[in-house]
All heavy atoms as atom14 arrays in JSON, in Angstrom:
{
  "sequence": "ITDAIRAEILEIMGYKVTIMEFIDMEHTPKNLLIRAV",
  "atom14_mask": [
    [1, 1, 1, 1, 1, 1, 1, 1, 0, 0, 0, 0, 0, 0],
    [1, 1, 1, 1, 1, 1, 1, 0, 0, 0, 0, 0, 0, 0],
    [1, 1, 1, 1, 1, 1, 1, 1, 0, 0, 0, 0, 0, 0],
    [1, 1, 1, 1, 1, 0, 0, 0, 0, 0, 0, 0, 0, 0],
    [1, 1, 1, 1, 1, 1, 1, 1, 0, 0, 0, 0, 0, 0],
    [1, 1, 1, 1, 1, 1, 1, 1, 1, 1, 1, 0, 0, 0],
    [1, 1, 1, 1, 1, 0, 0, 0, 0, 0, 0, 0, 0, 0],
    [1, 1, 1, 1, 1, 1, 1, 1, 1, 0, 0, 0, 0, 0],
    [1, 1, 1, 1, 1, 1, 1, 1, 0, 0, 0, 0, 0, 0],
    [1, 1, 1, 1, 1, 1, 1, 1, 0, 0, 0, 0, 0, 0],
    [1, 1, 1, 1, 1, 1, 1, 1, 1, 0, 0, 0, 0, 0],
    [1, 1, 1, 1, 1, 1, 1, 1, 0, 0, 0, 0, 0, 0],
    [1, 1, 1, 1, 1, 1, 1, 1, 0, 0, 0, 0, 0, 0],
    [1, 1, 1, 1, 0, 0, 0, 0, 0, 0, 0, 0, 0, 0],
    [1, 1, 1, 1, 1, 1, 1, 1, 1, 1, 1, 1, 0, 0],
    [1, 1, 1, 1, 1, 1, 1, 1, 1, 0, 0, 0, 0, 0],
    [1, 1, 1, 1, 1, 1, 1, 0, 0, 0, 0, 0, 0, 0],
    [1, 1, 1, 1, 1, 1, 1, 0, 0, 0, 0, 0, 0, 0],
    [1, 1, 1, 1, 1, 1, 1, 1, 0, 0, 0, 0, 0, 0],
    [1, 1, 1, 1, 1, 1, 1, 1, 0, 0, 0, 0, 0, 0],
    [1, 1, 1, 1, 1, 1, 1, 1, 1, 0, 0, 0, 0, 0],
    [1, 1, 1, 1, 1, 1, 1, 1, 1, 1, 1, 0, 0, 0],
    [1, 1, 1, 1, 1, 1, 1, 1, 0, 0, 0, 0, 0, 0],
    [1, 1, 1, 1, 1, 1, 1, 1, 0, 0, 0, 0, 0, 0],
    [1, 1, 1, 1, 1, 1, 1, 1, 0, 0, 0, 0, 0, 0],
    [1, 1, 1, 1, 1, 1, 1, 1, 1, 0, 0, 0, 0, 0],
    [1, 1, 1, 1, 1, 1, 1, 1, 1, 1, 0, 0, 0, 0],
    [1, 1, 1, 1, 1, 1, 1, 0, 0, 0, 0, 0, 0, 0],
    [1, 1, 1, 1, 1, 1, 1, 0, 0, 0, 0, 0, 0, 0],
    [1, 1, 1, 1, 1, 1, 1, 1, 1, 0, 0, 0, 0, 0],
    [1, 1, 1, 1, 1, 1, 1, 1, 0, 0, 0, 0, 0, 0],
    [1, 1, 1, 1, 1, 1, 1, 1, 0, 0, 0, 0, 0, 0],
    [1, 1, 1, 1, 1, 1, 1, 1, 0, 0, 0, 0, 0, 0],
    [1, 1, 1, 1, 1, 1, 1, 1, 0, 0, 0, 0, 0, 0],
    [1, 1, 1, 1, 1, 1, 1, 1, 1, 1, 1, 0, 0, 0],
    [1, 1, 1, 1, 1, 0, 0, 0, 0, 0, 0, 0, 0, 0],
    [1, 1, 1, 1, 1, 1, 1, 0, 0, 0, 0, 0, 0, 0]
  ],
  "atom14_positions": [
    [[0.82, -1.14, 0.01], [0.0, -0.01, 0.04], [0.92, 1.22, 0.0], [0.53, 2.2, -0.66], [-0.98, -0.02, 1.19], [-1.92, -1.19, 1.03], [-1.7, 1.31, 1.32], [-2.8, -1.39, 2.3], [0.0, 0.0, 0.0], [0.0, 0.0, 0.0], [0.0, 0.0, 0.0], [0.0, 0.0, 0.0], [0.0, 0.0, 0.0], [0.0, 0.0, 0.0]],
    [[1.99, 1.24, 0.8], [2.88, 2.36, 0.81], [3.42, 2.67, -0.57], [3.45, 3.79, -0.97], [4.04, 2.06, 1.74], [3.52, 1.84, 3.07], [5.01, 3.26, 1.84], [0.0, 0.0, 0.0], [0.0, 0.0, 0.0], [0.0, 0.0, 0.0], [0.0, 0.0, 0.0], [0.0, 0.0, 0.0], [0.0, 0.0, 0.0], [0.0, 0.0, 0.0]],
    [[3.93, 1.56, -1.25], [4.43, 1.8, -2.64], [3.32, 2.27, -3.6], [3.66, 3.11, -4.51], [5.09, 0.54, -3.13], [6.41, 0.25, -2.44], [7.04, 1.23, -1.9], [6.87, -0.93, -2.33], [0.0, 0.0, 0.0], [0.0, 0.0, 0.0], [0.0, 0.0, 0.0], [0.0, 0.0, 0.0], [0.0, 0.0, 0.0], [0.0, 0.0, 0.0]],
    [[2.19, 1.78, -3.43], [1.08, 2.24, -4.25], [0.75, 3.69, -4.1], [0.55, 4.42, -5.03], [-0.22, 1.37, -4.09], [0.0, 0.0, 0.0], [0.0, 0.0, 0.0], [0.0, 0.0, 0.0], [0.0, 0.0, 0.0], [0.0, 0.0, 0.0], [0.0, 0.0, 0.0], [0.0, 0.0, 0.0], [0.0, 0.0, 0.0], [0.0, 0.0, 0.0]],
    [[0.79, 4.17, -2.88], [0.61, 5.58, -2.54], [1.71, 6.38, -3.14], [1.46, 7.47, -3.66], [0.5, 5.8, -0.93], [-0.85, 5.19, -0.39], [0.74, 7.25, -0.63], [-0.85, 5.32, 1.02], [0.0, 0.0, 0.0], [0.0, 0.0, 0.0], [0.0, 0.0, 0.0], [0.0, 0.0, 0.0], [0.0, 0.0, 0.0], [0.0, 0.0, 0.0]],
    [[2.97, 5.94, -2.98], [4.04, 6.67, -3.55], [3.88, 6.82, -5.11], [4.08, 7.94, -5.66], [5.35, 5.95, -3.31], [5.83, 6.07, -1.83], [6.89, 4.97, -1.5], [7.36, 5.19, -0.2], [8.03, 4.23, 0.55], [8.13, 3.07, 0.05], [8.42, 4.58, 1.71], [0.0, 0.0, 0.0], [0.0, 0.0, 0.0], [0.0, 0.0, 0.0]],
    [[3.44, 5.74, -5.75], [3.29, 5.79, -7.19], [2.18, 6.73, -7.62], [2.36, 7.54, -8.6], [2.91, 4.34, -7.68], [0.0, 0.0, 0.0], [0.0, 0.0, 0.0], [0.0, 0.0, 0.0], [0.0, 0.0, 0.0], [0.0, 0.0, 0.0], [0.0, 0.0, 0.0], [0.0, 0.0, 0.0], [0.0, 0.0, 0.0], [0.0, 0.0, 0.0]],
    [[0.98, 6.73, -6.87], [-0.1, 7.6, -7.29], [0.33, 9.05, -6.95], [-0.05, 9.96, -7.7], [-1.32, 7.29, -6.4], [-1.86, 5.87, -6.75], [-2.13, 5.66, -8.25], [-2.37, 6.62, -9.01], [-2.19, 4.46, -8.61], [0.0, 0.0, 0.0], [0.0, 0.0, 0.0], [0.0, 0.0, 0.0], [0.0, 0.0, 0.0], [0.0, 0.0, 0.0]],
    [[1.04, 9.36, -5.86], [1.42, 10.8, -5.58], [2.41, 11.26, -6.67], [2.25, 12.34, -7.21], [2.04, 10.84, -4.2], [1.0, 10.76, -3.12], [2.83, 12.16, -4.0], [1.52, 10.75, -1.6], [0.0, 0.0, 0.0], [0.0, 0.0, 0.0], [0.0, 0.0, 0.0], [0.0, 0.0, 0.0], [0.0, 0.0, 0.0], [0.0, 0.0, 0.0]],
    [[3.3, 10.4, -7.07], [4.26, 10.78, -8.16], [3.47, 11.05, -9.44], [3.84, 12.06, -10.17], [5.29, 9.67, -8.41], [6.43, 9.61, -7.37], [7.18, 8.27, -7.44], [7.42, 10.76, -7.57], [0.0, 0.0, 0.0], [0.0, 0.0, 0.0], [0.0, 0.0, 0.0], [0.0, 0.0, 0.0], [0.0, 0.0, 0.0], [0.0, 0.0, 0.0]],
    [[2.49, 10.24, -9.78], [1.73, 10.55, -11.01], [0.88, 11.76, -10.82], [0.67, 12.52, -11.85], [0.79, 9.28, -11.29], [1.68, 8.06, -11.62], [0.95, 7.13, -12.56], [-0.29, 7.03, -12.62], [1.69, 6.45, -13.31], [0.0, 0.0, 0.0], [0.0, 0.0, 0.0], [0.0, 0.0, 0.0], [0.0, 0.0, 0.0], [0.0, 0.0, 0.0]],
    [[0.38, 12.08, -9.64], [-0.37, 13.31, -9.43], [0.6, 14.48, -9.73], [0.27, 15.55, -10.27], [-0.98, 13.41, -8.02], [-2.07, 12.44, -7.82], [-1.49, 14.81, -7.73], [-2.52, 12.25, -6.42], [0.0, 0.0, 0.0], [0.0, 0.0, 0.0], [0.0, 0.0, 0.0], [0.0, 0.0, 0.0], [0.0, 0.0, 0.0], [0.0, 0.0, 0.0]],
    [[1.89, 14.36, -9.3], [2.79, 15.37, -9.36], [3.53, 15.47, -10.77], [4.54, 16.27, -10.93], [3.93, 15.32, -8.27], [3.35, 15.35, -6.89], [2.45, 16.92, -6.57], [3.75, 18.18, -6.85], [0.0, 0.0, 0.0], [0.0, 0.0, 0.0], [0.0, 0.0, 0.0], [0.0, 0.0, 0.0], [0.0, 0.0, 0.0], [0.0, 0.0, 0.0]],
    [[3.02, 14.76, -11.75], [3.54, 14.9, -13.11], [4.59, 13.88, -13.58], [5.32, 14.21, -14.47], [0.0, 0.0, 0.0], [0.0, 0.0, 0.0], [0.0, 0.0, 0.0], [0.0, 0.0, 0.0], [0.0, 0.0, 0.0], [0.0, 0.0, 0.0], [0.0, 0.0, 0.0], [0.0, 0.0, 0.0], [0.0, 0.0, 0.0], [0.0, 0.0, 0.0]],
    [[4.58, 12.77, -12.89], [5.54, 11.71, -13.3], [4.85, 10.52, -13.89], [3.72, 10.22, -13.52], [6.35, 11.18, -12.09], [7.45, 12.2, -11.61], [7.05, 13.24, -10.8], [8.74, 12.09, -11.97], [8.02, 14.14, -10.35], [9.71, 12.99, -11.55], [9.29, 14.04, -10.72], [10.28, 14.86, -10.3], [0.0, 0.0, 0.0], [0.0, 0.0, 0.0]],
    [[5.44, 9.86, -14.85], [5.02, 8.57, -15.35], [5.8, 7.53, -14.53], [7.02, 7.51, -14.54], [5.25, 8.41, -16.83], [4.39, 9.34, -17.68], [4.67, 9.14, -19.16], [3.75, 10.0, -20.03], [3.96, 9.76, -21.47], [0.0, 0.0, 0.0], [0.0, 0.0, 0.0], [0.0, 0.0, 0.0], [0.0, 0.0, 0.0], [0.0, 0.0, 0.0]],
    [[4.98, 6.62, -13.99], [5.56, 5.72, -12.96], [5.47, 4.26, -13.4], [4.48, 3.79, -13.92], [4.93, 5.77, -11.63], [5.49, 4.76, -10.61], [5.12, 7.27, -11.07], [0.0, 0.0, 0.0], [0.0, 0.0, 0.0], [0.0, 0.0, 0.0], [0.0, 0.0, 0.0], [0.0, 0.0, 0.0], [0.0, 0.0, 0.0], [0.0, 0.0, 0.0]],
    [[6.63, 3.48, -13.25], [6.64, 2.06, -13.48], [7.24, 1.44, -12.25], [8.27, 1.87, -11.74], [7.54, 1.71, -14.67], [7.15, 2.47, -15.84], [7.54, 0.22, -14.97], [0.0, 0.0, 0.0], [0.0, 0.0, 0.0], [0.0, 0.0, 0.0], [0.0, 0.0, 0.0], [0.0, 0.0, 0.0], [0.0, 0.0, 0.0], [0.0, 0.0, 0.0]],
    [[6.54, 0.45, -11.75], [7.12, -0.38, -10.66], [7.54, -1.74, -11.25], [6.75, -2.43, -11.83], [6.08, -0.57, -9.52], [5.64, 0.8, -8.99], [6.69, -1.45, -8.43], [4.72, 0.72, -7.74], [0.0, 0.0, 0.0], [0.0, 0.0, 0.0], [0.0, 0.0, 0.0], [0.0, 0.0, 0.0], [0.0, 0.0, 0.0], [0.0, 0.0, 0.0]],
    [[8.8, -2.03, -11.08], [9.35, -3.18, -11.67], [10.17, -4.1, -10.76], [10.52, -3.63, -9.6], [10.33, -2.84, -12.82], [11.42, -2.05, -12.41], [12.48, -1.34, -13.88], [11.3, -0.15, -14.52], [0.0, 0.0, 0.0], [0.0, 0.0, 0.0], [0.0, 0.0, 0.0], [0.0, 0.0, 0.0], [0.0, 0.0, 0.0], [0.0, 0.0, 0.0]],
    [[10.39, -5.35, -11.11], [11.09, -6.2, -10.18], [12.6, -5.87, -10.25], [13.18, -5.61, -11.33], [10.87, -7.64, -10.61], [11.46, -8.68, -9.63], [11.07, -10.12, -9.99], [10.96, -10.4, -11.22], [10.93, -10.89, -9.09], [0.0, 0.0, 0.0], [0.0, 0.0, 0.0], [0.0, 0.0, 0.0], [0.0, 0.0, 0.0], [0.0, 0.0, 0.0]],
    [[13.23, -5.98, -9.15], [14.63, -5.68, -9.1], [15.28, -6.85, -8.22], [14.59, -7.65, -7.55], [14.9, -4.39, -8.3], [16.35, -3.85, -8.26], [17.0, -3.78, -9.44], [16.94, -3.63, -6.96], [18.33, -3.32, -9.36], [18.29, -3.1, -6.97], [18.85, -3.0, -8.22], [0.0, 0.0, 0.0], [0.0, 0.0, 0.0], [0.0, 0.0, 0.0]],
    [[16.59, -7.09, -8.45], [17.25, -8.09, -7.66], [17.25, -7.79, -6.22], [17.49, -6.65, -5.84], [18.7, -8.35, -8.23], [18.63, -8.87, -9.63], [19.51, -9.33, -7.29], [19.93, -8.95, -10.25], [0.0, 0.0, 0.0], [0.0, 0.0, 0.0], [0.0, 0.0, 0.0], [0.0, 0.0, 0.0], [0.0, 0.0, 0.0], [0.0, 0.0, 0.0]],
    [[17.08, -8.75, -5.3], [17.03, -8.58, -3.88], [18.23, -7.78, -3.4], [19.36, -8.08, -3.78], [16.93, -9.93, -3.1], [15.69, -10.61, -3.48], [14.79, -10.07, -4.15], [15.56, -11.72, -2.95], [0.0, 0.0, 0.0], [0.0, 0.0, 0.0], [0.0, 0.0, 0.0], [0.0, 0.0, 0.0], [0.0, 0.0, 0.0], [0.0, 0.0, 0.0]],
    [[17.98, -6.84, -2.57], [19.11, -6.08, -1.93], [19.7, -6.97, -0.81], [19.08, -7.81, -0.29], [18.58, -4.78, -1.24], [17.96, -3.8, -2.26], [19.05, -3.17, -3.54], [19.91, -2.0, -2.6], [0.0, 0.0, 0.0], [0.0, 0.0, 0.0], [0.0, 0.0, 0.0], [0.0, 0.0, 0.0], [0.0, 0.0, 0.0], [0.0, 0.0, 0.0]],
    [[20.93, -6.65, -0.5], [21.66, -7.46, 0.47], [20.93, -7.32, 1.9], [20.5, -6.22, 2.28], [23.04, -6.93, 0.66], [23.95, -7.85, 1.49], [25.4, -7.37, 1.41], [25.64, -6.22, 0.9], [26.23, -8.02, 2.07], [0.0, 0.0, 0.0], [0.0, 0.0, 0.0], [0.0, 0.0, 0.0], [0.0, 0.0, 0.0], [0.0, 0.0, 0.0]],
    [[20.62, -8.47, 2.52], [20.09, -8.59, 3.88], [18.58, -8.15, 3.83], [18.03, -7.93, 4.91], [20.77, -7.6, 4.86], [22.26, -7.79, 4.94], [22.84, -9.04, 5.01], [23.31, -6.93, 4.83], [24.16, -8.89, 5.08], [24.42, -7.71, 4.95], [0.0, 0.0, 0.0], [0.0, 0.0, 0.0], [0.0, 0.0, 0.0], [0.0, 0.0, 0.0]],
    [[17.91, -8.14, 2.69], [16.56, -7.81, 2.67], [15.83, -8.47, 1.48], [16.45, -8.55, 0.41], [16.29, -6.3, 2.62], [14.86, -5.97, 2.52], [16.92, -5.62, 1.42], [0.0, 0.0, 0.0], [0.0, 0.0, 0.0], [0.0, 0.0, 0.0], [0.0, 0.0, 0.0], [0.0, 0.0, 0.0], [0.0, 0.0, 0.0], [0.0, 0.0, 0.0]],
    [[14.59, -8.89, 1.68], [13.88, -9.52, 0.56], [13.14, -8.53, -0.43], [12.42, -8.88, -1.28], [12.82, -10.4, 1.22], [12.48, -9.63, 2.5], [13.79, -9.09, 2.91], [0.0, 0.0, 0.0], [0.0, 0.0, 0.0], [0.0, 0.0, 0.0], [0.0, 0.0, 0.0], [0.0, 0.0, 0.0], [0.0, 0.0, 0.0], [0.0, 0.0, 0.0]],
    [[13.29, -7.21, -0.05], [12.55, -6.23, -0.88], [13.22, -6.1, -2.26], [14.4, -6.05, -2.43], [12.68, -4.82, -0.17], [12.27, -4.76, 1.23], [10.79, -5.15, 1.38], [10.32, -5.0, 2.78], [8.98, -5.46, 3.08], [0.0, 0.0, 0.0], [0.0, 0.0, 0.0], [0.0, 0.0, 0.0], [0.0, 0.0, 0.0], [0.0, 0.0, 0.0]],
    [[12.46, -6.3, -3.33], [12.88, -6.4, -4.66], [12.08, -5.6, -5.65], [11.9, -6.02, -6.75], [13.16, -7.8, -5.05], [11.78, -8.54, -5.2], [10.72, -8.13, -4.64], [11.69, -9.71, -5.94], [0.0, 0.0, 0.0], [0.0, 0.0, 0.0], [0.0, 0.0, 0.0], [0.0, 0.0, 0.0], [0.0, 0.0, 0.0], [0.0, 0.0, 0.0]],
    [[11.45, -4.47, -5.29], [10.72, -3.68, -6.16], [11.48, -2.32, -6.42], [12.1, -1.86, -5.46], [9.38, -3.36, -5.68], [8.41, -4.57, -5.52], [7.01, -4.07, -5.02], [8.18, -5.25, -6.87], [0.0, 0.0, 0.0], [0.0, 0.0, 0.0], [0.0, 0.0, 0.0], [0.0, 0.0, 0.0], [0.0, 0.0, 0.0], [0.0, 0.0, 0.0]],
    [[11.44, -1.89, -7.64], [12.05, -0.57, -7.92], [10.98, 0.3, -8.56], [10.34, -0.19, -9.44], [13.23, -0.78, -8.96], [13.95, 0.6, -9.32], [15.47, 0.26, -9.44], [13.45, 1.11, -10.62], [0.0, 0.0, 0.0], [0.0, 0.0, 0.0], [0.0, 0.0, 0.0], [0.0, 0.0, 0.0], [0.0, 0.0, 0.0], [0.0, 0.0, 0.0]],
    [[10.93, 1.55, -8.01], [9.99, 2.52, -8.63], [10.77, 3.45, -9.53], [11.74, 4.06, -9.07], [9.45, 3.39, -7.34], [8.6, 2.49, -6.42], [8.51, 4.49, -8.05], [8.22, 3.22, -5.12], [0.0, 0.0, 0.0], [0.0, 0.0, 0.0], [0.0, 0.0, 0.0], [0.0, 0.0, 0.0], [0.0, 0.0, 0.0], [0.0, 0.0, 0.0]],
    [[10.32, 3.39, -10.7], [10.96, 4.31, -11.67], [10.03, 5.47, -12.13], [8.85, 5.1, -12.52], [11.39, 3.66, -12.97], [12.01, 4.59, -14.0], [12.67, 3.85, -15.23], [11.67, 3.11, -15.93], [11.91, 2.23, -16.88], [13.14, 2.0, -17.22], [10.97, 1.62, -17.51], [0.0, 0.0, 0.0], [0.0, 0.0, 0.0], [0.0, 0.0, 0.0]],
    [[10.26, 6.64, -11.94], [9.37, 7.8, -12.25], [10.08, 8.79, -13.16], [11.19, 9.28, -12.87], [9.04, 8.49, -10.99], [0.0, 0.0, 0.0], [0.0, 0.0, 0.0], [0.0, 0.0, 0.0], [0.0, 0.0, 0.0], [0.0, 0.0, 0.0], [0.0, 0.0, 0.0], [0.0, 0.0, 0.0], [0.0, 0.0, 0.0], [0.0, 0.0, 0.0]],
    [[9.49, 9.06, -14.33], [10.08, 9.93, -15.34], [9.13, 11.18, -15.42], [7.86, 11.05, -15.6], [10.1, 9.2, -16.66], [10.64, 10.14, -17.74], [10.95, 7.98, -16.6], [0.0, 0.0, 0.0], [0.0, 0.0, 0.0], [0.0, 0.0, 0.0], [0.0, 0.0, 0.0], [0.0, 0.0, 0.0], [0.0, 0.0, 0.0], [0.0, 0.0, 0.0]]
  ]
}
């Protein structure tokens, strides 16, 4: 939900957003990357 809120706020503020899979960071299973143009 947090990442979804971030994406929508970015789109409100004039960004085109893509959330994509990323390789797991060290010591954490989080593997999503938010790209905003």
